Protein backbone atom coordinates (compact mmCIF):
# COMPACT_ATOMS: atom_id res chain seq x y z
CA MET A 1 13.24 18.42 -8.05
CA SER A 2 15.34 15.64 -6.58
CA ILE A 3 16.71 15.01 -3.13
CA SER A 4 20.47 14.86 -3.31
CA GLU A 5 21.06 13.95 0.34
CA LYS A 6 19.79 10.77 1.90
CA VAL A 7 20.43 11.90 5.48
CA VAL A 8 19.72 15.43 6.66
CA ARG A 9 20.71 16.72 10.09
CA TYR A 10 19.42 19.95 11.59
CA THR A 11 20.24 20.88 15.19
CA ASP A 12 19.34 17.77 17.21
CA ARG A 13 17.12 16.16 14.55
CA THR A 14 18.00 13.68 11.80
CA VAL A 15 15.86 12.63 8.86
CA GLU A 16 16.84 9.70 6.67
CA TYR A 17 15.10 9.54 3.30
CA ARG A 18 14.42 6.25 1.55
CA THR A 19 14.83 5.54 -2.12
CA VAL A 20 11.81 4.90 -4.33
CA ASP A 21 12.86 1.26 -4.65
CA GLU A 22 13.01 0.86 -0.85
CA LEU A 23 9.56 2.43 -0.49
CA LEU A 24 8.07 0.18 -3.18
CA LYS A 25 9.56 -2.90 -1.54
CA ALA A 26 8.19 -1.87 1.86
CA ARG A 27 4.74 -1.25 0.35
CA GLU A 28 4.73 -4.70 -1.24
CA GLU A 29 5.77 -6.36 2.04
CA ILE A 30 2.96 -4.58 3.89
CA ARG A 31 0.45 -5.50 1.19
CA MET A 32 1.43 -9.18 1.31
CA SER A 33 1.30 -9.17 5.11
CA LEU A 34 -2.22 -7.72 5.08
CA ILE A 35 -3.38 -10.22 2.46
CA SER A 36 -2.08 -13.20 4.44
CA ALA A 37 -3.53 -11.86 7.71
CA ALA A 38 -6.99 -11.39 6.18
CA GLY A 39 -7.28 -15.00 5.07
CA PRO A 40 -9.25 -16.14 2.05
CA ARG A 41 -11.60 -13.65 0.45
CA SER A 42 -15.29 -14.44 0.43
CA ARG A 43 -17.06 -14.62 -2.89
CA VAL A 44 -19.60 -11.93 -3.70
CA VAL A 45 -22.54 -12.83 -5.91
CA ARG A 46 -24.64 -10.04 -7.37
CA LEU A 47 -28.02 -10.77 -8.86
CA TYR A 48 -29.52 -8.55 -11.52
CA HIS A 49 -33.03 -8.65 -12.91
CA GLY A 50 -33.65 -6.58 -16.01
CA GLY A 51 -37.37 -7.29 -16.41
CA LYS A 52 -40.45 -5.55 -15.04
CA GLY A 53 -41.19 -8.25 -12.52
CA LEU A 54 -44.42 -10.24 -12.23
């Protein structure tokens, strides 16, 4: 199924659909904005001990 109309009007309402490329570009812009707003990521160090202990 594909949408053949980009703008649909029904009574007093209008819906404008975006292309997949436009949506991907918007998603990338939002992602980059969130990354820059969050600042540098902190480093996570996980320690694992496989022995029985003392």
